[in-house]
Structure formats: structure tokens, C-alpha cells
């Protein structure tokens, strides 16, 4: 084979991919990091303008290089992206940008990674593309009149994207409530909310400590998905962190209307009423995973790769940064490093088995 075969190729240059790169570099491994973006941190920069992390500086460190911000600071998306750039420069990590992988297959013990300009080869592949792939919007959005501005939260940047008139925010997760907060805070428009209004909210500070201090102290982030407590946490409704749900829903210009059922042109049909005045819709309705580009991969009932702590059904193919890959912190800046350290040891064990 004329093309170079890397020991490892990492797909994705955000927190998961960079954590794996750090540990591989420490082991003097030959590797390459690929990312489809035009710059490091692009996936973060594409999110809404006012986005801030729920976690303070001291809980956002990737391995070997601290997040340079004051203790107690909640970083913005721009600061996170800059941290990733600084991380890559500090360790001189080999990153190739503008390289979107379209398929991964394996033949004769070597992985073939097809991308927009060619093919790369690797003995082992680590997929670090994160949990957010394809923005999901309910089918009824197609029935809404073209005059209504619609966007998924993935594309929402700020109030400047909205036209005059009433707005609707759909989705009761962290993003949904944060965007509802921002749109309704101006007070110059009616904002309808479609989603669960019984969701619990947790303040960012409690008794003088951040909620993440309490999570760490109580071991909340360390329960693994196979434990009794881990299973209980996974099955329960996740709270909204740092956003006062009750206060937002009590605002005079906010009206909760229940589940969105359907739409006919300018009329949107909810559980509690029908509304014809909505001019803007933000769908904070989550994402669907997409791993169809990996040949032979087994998926679970939620369409995520079947794996044990990142080890997949395909020999030599690994994952990092998936939600609850092992613990609640597996997909977070501060938590992914533990998974990466564990996975690198498994990779080295697999190498040794081949040599034996």
C-alpha cells in the first residue's frame, strides 16, 4: 500500500478528540486528528452568541493544560474555542482541518477513511464526533407558512435573526429554556413556550459553592452507567442547570401552551389552544445521532454505537465523548479526560495482543 498508514486517526478536534490526542502523544504514538471545520472550535463558535458553560473554569480543564480564566468564571463559547486553539498550539498536535469524513470501512486489517478530497488509512480509528449530529425538527414544521421564520436551536445565534411579532420556543431542555429566557427577557414580544413546564431547575450556586462542586463532592458525576445509581440517574428527567424555569414561565409575556401537535399555515395547534399570531419559531428539539457512515457498526436502541467504555464491535474502532459512555461526565470538558486515559490503556493492550 503506497499511502501512509497512521497508527491512529482521531475523527473530531473538540474536547474528546483533543483529550485522546494528549494521551496518545504521551505514549509517543503516530496519529492524526481530522476535523470537518474551517478552524479549531468551530462546533462551539456556531452556537448561539450568548452561550456560556454551566461549569466554572476549574471544572473545564483538559489533560495537561489548564483553562486560563479566573476560578469561578463561566466561559463563553468564544473562550472555549480559543482554549481548544491554545491547547493544539501548546502541544503541537497534528490537526487537519476542512476534512469531513464521509465513510469508514476496513479491509485487510486497515481502515479506509474517505473524505472530501481523498482517502486516509489507519491501523486504528477513534471517533470523537460528539453526541450532536443531525438537528431534529418535528415533521409538522413543514406545515407552517413560509412567512414564519423557523430555525433549529443549532442555527439560532440571537434576537437579530427574528422578525417583528410573536415567537414560539419548542423544547424543555437546557437550550430551550436558555433561548426562551433570552427571547422573552426583552419584553417587547409575546413568547409562547411548548414543552414540559414541570422540569426541575438547579441553580449554579448553592450555599456559596457551585453546583458542580456539589456534584463532584457527592460523586454524582462518577456513578457509572452500569451501577444502580447510574441507571436511576439516566432514567430520570434531567434538570435544567443555571436557568430559573419558574421565573421565566411566570413572566407576563410568556405563555406555556403544552405540546405542539400540528400546524396549518399561520395557525399552530397546541395541546391547550390554537395560535395564529406566531411569526418566529425556534425548535430546541434536540439531535439525532448519525453513525451510518461507519461500515459494520452495531448500534443500540438509541442509535448510538454499542460499546463498552469506547470499545466497539469492530476491532480497532473506538469511541470517545458519547453521552453517558461511562459516567454523567463522559461528554463534558472536565470529565472526558478520565475516559480518554482509560481508553488509551485499552488501545495499548490491544496493540500488545497483536504483537504477541
Protein backbone atom coordinates (compact mmCIF):
# COMPACT_ATOMS: atom_id res chain seq x y z
CA UNK A 1 0.00 0.00 0.00
CA UNK A 2 1.53 3.30 -1.12
CA UNK A 3 -0.47 5.56 1.16
CA UNK A 4 0.82 6.19 4.67
CA UNK A 5 -0.89 4.14 7.37
CA UNK A 6 -1.22 6.05 10.64
CA UNK A 7 -1.15 4.15 13.91
CA UNK A 8 -4.25 6.11 14.90
CA UNK A 9 -6.61 8.60 13.29
CA UNK A 10 -8.88 10.63 15.56
CA UNK A 11 -12.05 11.99 13.95
CA UNK A 12 -13.06 15.21 15.71
CA UNK A 13 -10.96 18.02 17.19
CA UNK A 14 -13.11 19.14 20.13
CA UNK A 15 -12.68 18.16 23.79
CA UNK A 16 -12.92 14.39 23.26
CA UNK A 17 -10.53 14.23 20.33
CA UNK A 18 -8.00 16.56 21.94
CA UNK A 19 -8.03 14.55 25.19
CA UNK A 20 -7.29 11.37 23.25
CA UNK A 21 -4.54 13.14 21.32
CA UNK A 22 -2.87 14.24 24.56
CA UNK A 23 -2.71 10.69 25.92
CA UNK A 24 -1.55 9.21 22.61
CA UNK A 25 1.19 11.83 22.35
CA UNK A 26 2.34 10.95 25.87
CA UNK A 27 2.73 7.36 24.64
CA UNK A 28 4.73 8.53 21.56
CA UNK A 29 2.11 7.22 19.14
CA UNK A 30 1.85 8.24 15.49
CA UNK A 31 -1.56 9.84 14.97
CA UNK A 32 -3.53 12.44 13.06
CA UNK A 33 -6.62 14.44 14.13
CA UNK A 34 -9.22 15.19 11.47
CA UNK A 35 -11.98 17.79 11.65
CA UNK A 36 -14.51 18.99 9.10
CA UNK A 37 -14.45 22.58 10.37
CA UNK A 38 -12.52 25.51 8.96
CA UNK A 39 -11.00 26.27 12.37
CA UNK A 40 -10.45 24.67 15.75
CA UNK A 41 -13.52 25.13 17.96
CA UNK A 42 -15.90 25.74 15.07
CA UNK A 43 -18.61 23.50 16.54
CA UNK A 44 -18.69 25.77 19.59
CA UNK A 45 -18.48 29.03 17.66
CA UNK A 46 -21.54 28.01 15.61
CA UNK A 47 -23.77 28.01 18.71
CA UNK A 48 -25.82 30.99 19.91
CA UNK A 49 -23.96 34.18 20.77
CA UNK A 50 -24.80 34.40 24.47
CA UNK A 51 -23.96 30.78 25.26
CA UNK A 52 -21.97 30.21 28.44
CA UNK A 53 -20.87 26.95 30.02
CA UNK A 54 -22.72 25.66 33.08
CA UNK A 55 -19.36 24.79 34.61
CA UNK A 56 -16.81 27.23 36.00
CA UNK A 57 -13.19 27.36 34.90
CA UNK A 58 -11.87 24.88 37.45
CA UNK A 59 -14.09 22.10 36.02
CA UNK A 60 -13.19 22.67 32.37
CA UNK A 61 -9.55 21.63 32.17
CA UNK A 62 -8.45 19.18 29.52
CA UNK A 63 -5.48 16.97 30.50
CA UNK A 64 -2.11 18.65 30.85
CA UNK A 65 -3.15 22.25 30.12
CA UNK A 66 -5.39 24.41 32.30
CA UNK A 67 -8.21 26.61 31.07
CA UNK A 68 -6.74 30.08 31.56
CA UNK A 69 -9.56 32.00 33.22
CA UNK A 70 -10.27 33.06 36.80
CA UNK A 71 -11.69 30.50 39.20
CA UNK A 72 -15.48 30.79 39.33
CA UNK A 73 -15.74 32.17 35.78
CA UNK A 74 -18.34 30.75 33.39
CA UNK A 75 -16.62 30.70 29.97
CA UNK A 76 -18.32 31.84 26.77
CA UNK A 77 -18.34 29.81 23.57
CA UNK A 78 -15.57 32.04 22.19
CA UNK A 79 -13.39 31.35 25.21
CA UNK A 80 -13.92 27.60 24.83
CA UNK A 81 -12.95 27.73 21.16
CA UNK A 82 -9.85 29.77 21.99
CA UNK A 83 -8.90 27.29 24.70
CA UNK A 84 -9.01 24.49 22.13
CA UNK A 85 -6.79 26.53 19.78
CA UNK A 86 -4.33 27.21 22.60
CA UNK A 87 -4.38 23.51 23.53
CA UNK A 88 -3.50 22.42 19.99
CA UNK A 89 -0.70 25.00 19.77
CA UNK A 90 0.69 24.20 23.22
CA UNK A 91 1.14 20.52 22.42
CA UNK A 92 1.76 20.98 18.67
CA UNK A 93 -0.98 18.47 17.93
CA UNK A 94 -1.30 17.35 14.29
CA UNK A 95 -4.73 18.59 13.19
CA UNK A 96 -6.00 18.57 9.61
CA UNK A 97 -9.00 20.89 9.15
CA UNK A 98 -11.56 21.00 6.31
CA UNK A 99 -11.51 17.19 6.26
CA UNK A 100 -15.03 15.84 6.57
CA UNK A 101 -15.05 12.05 6.81
CA UNK A 102 -17.87 10.59 4.70
CA UNK A 103 -17.24 6.87 5.29
CA UNK A 104 -15.09 4.50 7.32
CA UNK A 105 -14.51 0.91 6.26
CA UNK A 106 -11.98 -1.81 6.97
CA UNK A 107 -10.20 -4.13 4.58
CA UNK A 108 -7.27 -6.47 5.20
CA UNK A 109 -6.81 -5.11 8.73
CA UNK A 110 -6.55 -1.46 7.62
CA UNK A 111 -9.19 1.27 7.97
CA UNK A 112 -10.05 3.37 4.92
CA UNK A 113 -11.33 6.83 5.73
CA UNK A 114 -12.98 8.53 2.77
CA UNK A 115 -13.18 12.33 2.89
CA UNK A 116 -13.97 15.27 0.64
CA UNK A 117 -10.61 15.22 -1.15
CA UNK A 118 -9.35 11.65 -0.91
CA UNK A 119 -8.67 8.67 1.35
CA UNK A 120 -6.61 8.19 4.51
CA UNK A 121 -5.52 4.94 6.13
CA UNK A 122 -5.09 3.91 9.75
CA UNK A 123 -4.46 0.81 11.80
CA UNK A 124 -6.92 2.06 14.42
CA UNK A 125 -9.61 4.76 14.42
CA UNK A 126 -11.03 6.80 17.30
CA UNK A 127 -14.36 8.52 16.63
CA UNK A 128 -14.68 11.71 18.69
CA UNK A 129 -17.52 13.45 16.85
CA UNK A 130 -19.62 14.03 19.97
CA UNK A 131 -23.32 13.34 20.57
CA UNK A 132 -24.88 16.13 18.49
CA UNK A 133 -25.07 15.22 14.80
CA UNK A 134 -28.34 15.86 12.97
CA UNK A 135 -30.68 18.60 14.26
CA UNK A 136 -34.16 17.17 14.72
CA UNK A 137 -37.27 19.19 13.90
CA UNK A 138 -40.78 17.66 14.21
CA UNK A 139 -42.46 16.94 10.84
CA UNK A 140 -45.24 19.47 11.49
CA UNK A 141 -42.77 22.30 10.81
CA UNK A 142 -43.35 21.68 7.10
CA UNK A 143 -46.99 22.74 7.50
CA UNK A 144 -46.12 26.22 8.80
CA UNK A 145 -46.39 29.18 6.40
CA UNK A 146 -43.18 30.33 4.67
CA UNK A 147 -43.69 33.81 6.10
CA UNK A 148 -42.89 32.44 9.58
CA UNK A 149 -39.18 32.44 10.46
CA UNK A 150 -38.19 28.96 11.61
CA UNK A 151 -34.83 27.65 12.81
CA UNK A 152 -33.44 24.84 14.91
CA UNK A 153 -31.57 25.92 18.04
CA UNK A 154 -28.42 24.66 16.29
CA UNK A 155 -28.71 27.67 13.95
CA UNK A 156 -30.03 30.21 16.44
CA UNK A 157 -27.49 32.96 17.15
CA UNK A 158 -29.51 35.78 18.70
CA UNK A 159 -32.52 38.10 18.62
CA UNK A 160 -31.27 39.78 15.44
CA UNK A 161 -32.41 36.71 13.47
CA UNK A 162 -36.05 37.16 14.46
CA UNK A 163 -38.62 39.31 12.68
CA UNK A 164 -41.13 41.51 14.49
CA UNK A 165 -44.02 39.68 16.11
CA UNK A 166 -44.74 36.83 18.49
CA UNK A 167 -42.30 33.95 18.94
CA UNK A 168 -42.52 30.28 19.85
CA UNK A 169 -39.81 28.23 21.56
CA UNK A 170 -40.25 24.46 21.46
CA UNK A 171 -38.21 22.21 23.76
CA UNK A 172 -37.72 21.92 27.52
CA UNK A 173 -34.01 21.14 27.75
CA UNK A 174 -31.20 23.47 28.74
CA UNK A 175 -31.06 25.06 25.29
CA UNK A 176 -34.83 25.53 25.09
CA UNK A 177 -35.08 27.32 28.41
CA UNK A 178 -31.98 29.42 27.82
CA UNK A 179 -33.30 30.60 24.46
CA UNK A 180 -36.77 31.21 25.95
CA UNK A 181 -35.09 33.29 28.63
CA UNK A 182 -33.20 35.38 26.07
CA UNK A 183 -36.12 35.98 23.72
CA UNK A 184 -38.61 36.81 26.46
CA UNK A 185 -36.22 38.99 28.51
CA UNK A 186 -36.54 41.91 26.11
CA UNK A 187 -40.24 42.10 26.93
CA UNK A 188 -41.19 43.52 23.54
CA UNK A 189 -42.92 40.44 22.18
CA UNK A 190 -45.23 37.65 23.27
CA UNK A 191 -43.37 34.35 23.56
CA UNK A 192 -45.18 31.02 23.56
CA UNK A 193 -43.47 28.01 25.09
CA UNK A 194 -44.14 24.42 24.05
CA UNK A 195 -42.60 21.84 26.35
CA UNK A 196 -42.51 20.33 29.81
CA UNK A 197 -43.15 23.01 32.44
CA UNK A 198 -42.63 20.61 35.36
CA UNK A 199 -38.92 20.15 34.70
CA UNK A 200 -36.75 20.86 37.75
CA UNK A 201 -34.13 23.60 37.65
CA UNK A 202 -30.92 23.71 39.68
CA UNK A 203 -29.13 26.99 40.48
CA UNK A 204 -25.49 27.38 39.52
CA UNK A 205 -24.66 28.36 43.11
CA UNK A 206 -25.83 26.73 46.35
CA UNK A 207 -24.63 27.61 49.87
CA UNK A 208 -21.69 29.53 48.46
CA UNK A 209 -20.48 26.69 46.23
CA UNK A 210 -21.10 25.95 42.56
CA UNK A 211 -23.46 23.11 41.77
CA UNK A 212 -20.52 21.34 40.09
CA UNK A 213 -18.60 21.50 43.36
CA UNK A 214 -21.52 19.68 44.97
CA UNK A 215 -21.74 17.20 42.07
CA UNK A 216 -18.04 16.42 42.46
CA UNK A 217 -18.17 16.26 46.26
CA UNK A 218 -21.13 13.86 46.30
CA UNK A 219 -19.73 11.70 43.48
CA UNK A 220 -22.75 12.44 41.28
CA UNK A 221 -20.58 12.70 38.16
CA UNK A 222 -18.71 9.48 38.95
CA UNK A 223 -21.58 6.98 39.07
CA UNK A 224 -21.14 4.70 36.07
CA UNK A 225 -23.98 3.74 33.76
CA UNK A 226 -23.93 0.10 34.90
CA UNK A 227 -24.41 0.89 38.60
CA UNK A 228 -27.78 1.09 40.34
CA UNK A 229 -27.43 4.83 40.90
CA UNK A 230 -26.21 5.44 37.36
CA UNK A 231 -29.23 3.63 35.91
CA UNK A 232 -31.53 5.66 38.16
CA UNK A 233 -29.99 8.97 37.04
CA UNK A 234 -30.19 8.01 33.36
CA UNK A 235 -33.86 7.04 33.62
CA UNK A 236 -34.88 10.21 35.46
CA UNK A 237 -35.76 13.56 33.86
CA UNK A 238 -32.58 15.63 33.73
CA UNK A 239 -32.85 19.04 35.43
CA UNK A 240 -32.12 22.38 33.77
CA UNK A 241 -28.97 23.89 35.26
CA UNK A 242 -28.46 27.57 35.95
CA UNK A 243 -31.77 28.77 34.48
CA UNK A 244 -34.68 29.74 36.73
CA UNK A 245 -37.51 27.89 34.97
CA UNK A 246 -40.28 29.10 37.30
CA UNK A 247 -39.25 32.75 36.97
CA UNK A 248 -39.15 32.58 33.17
CA UNK A 249 -42.54 30.88 32.92
CA UNK A 250 -44.06 33.47 35.28
CA UNK A 251 -43.19 36.42 33.00
CA UNK A 252 -46.19 38.34 31.69
CA UNK A 253 -45.12 37.92 28.06
CA UNK A 254 -44.54 34.14 28.33
CA UNK A 255 -47.35 31.64 27.84
CA UNK A 256 -46.97 27.86 28.11
CA UNK A 257 -49.19 26.09 25.59
CA UNK A 258 -48.35 22.41 26.01
CA UNK A 259 -47.17 20.04 23.31
CA UNK A 260 -47.05 21.19 19.68
CA UNK A 261 -49.46 18.92 17.81
CA UNK A 262 -49.71 20.28 14.27
CA UNK A 263 -49.84 23.39 12.09
CA UNK A 264 -51.80 24.72 9.13
CA UNK A 265 -50.12 27.74 7.51
CA UNK A 266 -50.19 30.53 10.14
CA UNK A 267 -52.16 28.51 12.68
CA UNK A 268 -50.10 26.39 15.07
CA UNK A 269 -52.04 23.83 17.08
CA UNK A 270 -51.04 23.10 20.68
CA UNK A 271 -52.50 20.95 23.42
CA UNK A 272 -54.14 23.94 25.09
CA UNK A 273 -55.05 26.22 22.18
CA UNK A 274 -54.53 27.30 18.57
CA UNK A 275 -52.43 30.39 17.80
CA UNK A 276 -52.28 32.41 14.57
CA UNK A 277 -50.00 35.28 15.61
CA UNK A 278 -46.63 33.50 15.75
CA UNK A 279 -44.01 34.98 13.42
CA UNK A 280 -40.91 33.16 14.71
CA UNK A 281 -40.24 29.57 15.81
CA UNK A 282 -37.09 28.21 17.46
CA UNK A 283 -37.05 24.42 17.60
CA UNK A 284 -34.87 23.39 20.58
CA UNK A 285 -35.89 19.80 19.92
CA UNK A 286 -32.55 18.06 20.12
CA UNK A 287 -30.48 15.98 17.75
CA UNK A 288 -30.39 12.53 16.27
CA UNK A 289 -27.12 10.57 16.20
CA UNK A 290 -25.76 9.60 12.79
CA UNK A 291 -23.17 6.83 12.53
CA UNK A 292 -24.40 5.42 9.23
CA UNK A 293 -21.08 6.36 7.60
CA UNK A 294 -19.24 3.62 9.56
CA UNK A 295 -19.47 0.23 7.85
CA UNK A 296 -20.37 -2.78 10.00
CA UNK A 297 -21.03 -0.81 13.19
CA UNK A 298 -23.61 -2.19 15.62
CA UNK A 299 -25.97 0.39 17.13
CA UNK A 300 -28.12 0.27 20.25
CA UNK A 301 -31.83 1.13 20.53
CA UNK A 302 -30.99 4.83 20.70
CA UNK A 303 -28.88 4.60 17.52
CA UNK A 304 -25.59 5.10 19.35
CA UNK A 305 -22.69 2.66 18.85
CA UNK A 306 -22.76 -0.45 21.02
CA UNK A 307 -19.60 -0.23 23.09
CA UNK A 308 -18.05 -0.82 26.48
CA UNK A 309 -16.20 2.30 27.59
CA UNK A 310 -15.46 3.19 23.98
CA UNK A 311 -14.56 -0.26 22.64
CA UNK A 312 -16.89 -1.08 19.72
CA UNK A 313 -17.84 -4.32 17.98
CA UNK A 314 -15.26 -3.60 15.24
CA UNK A 315 -11.70 -4.47 16.18
CA UNK A 316 -9.58 -1.33 16.14
CA UNK A 317 -12.51 1.11 16.13
CA UNK A 318 -13.13 3.14 19.28
CA UNK A 319 -15.36 5.96 20.53
CA UNK A 320 -14.88 8.83 22.96
CA UNK A 321 -17.14 11.68 24.13
CA UNK A 322 -20.51 9.93 23.82
CA UNK A 323 -23.21 10.87 26.36
CA UNK A 324 -23.05 8.52 29.34
CA UNK A 325 -20.34 6.49 27.64
CA UNK A 326 -19.42 5.52 31.17
CA UNK A 327 -20.48 8.32 33.57
CA UNK A 328 -22.53 11.53 33.57
CA UNK A 329 -19.31 13.45 32.87
CA UNK A 330 -18.24 11.43 29.81
CA UNK A 331 -19.20 14.15 27.32
CA UNK A 332 -18.07 17.17 29.37
CA UNK A 333 -14.85 19.17 29.13
CA UNK A 334 -13.74 18.22 32.61
CA UNK A 335 -14.96 14.63 32.53
CA UNK A 336 -13.82 13.30 29.16
CA UNK A 337 -10.16 13.05 30.22
CA UNK A 338 -10.85 10.09 32.53
CA UNK A 339 -12.48 8.17 29.70
CA UNK A 340 -9.60 9.06 27.38
CA UNK A 341 -6.96 7.85 29.86
CA UNK A 342 -8.82 4.55 30.28
CA UNK A 343 -9.31 4.08 26.54
CA UNK A 344 -5.66 4.68 25.69
CA UNK A 345 -4.69 1.88 28.06
CA UNK A 346 -7.14 -0.44 26.28
CA UNK A 347 -5.64 0.60 22.92
CA UNK A 348 -2.15 -0.25 24.14
CA UNK A 349 -3.35 -3.60 25.45
CA UNK A 350 -4.84 -4.36 22.03
CA UNK A 351 -1.54 -3.45 20.38
CA UNK A 352 0.37 -5.78 22.68
CA UNK A 353 -2.04 -8.63 22.00
CA UNK A 354 -1.39 -8.27 18.27
CA UNK A 355 2.39 -8.30 18.84
CA UNK A 356 2.13 -11.44 20.96
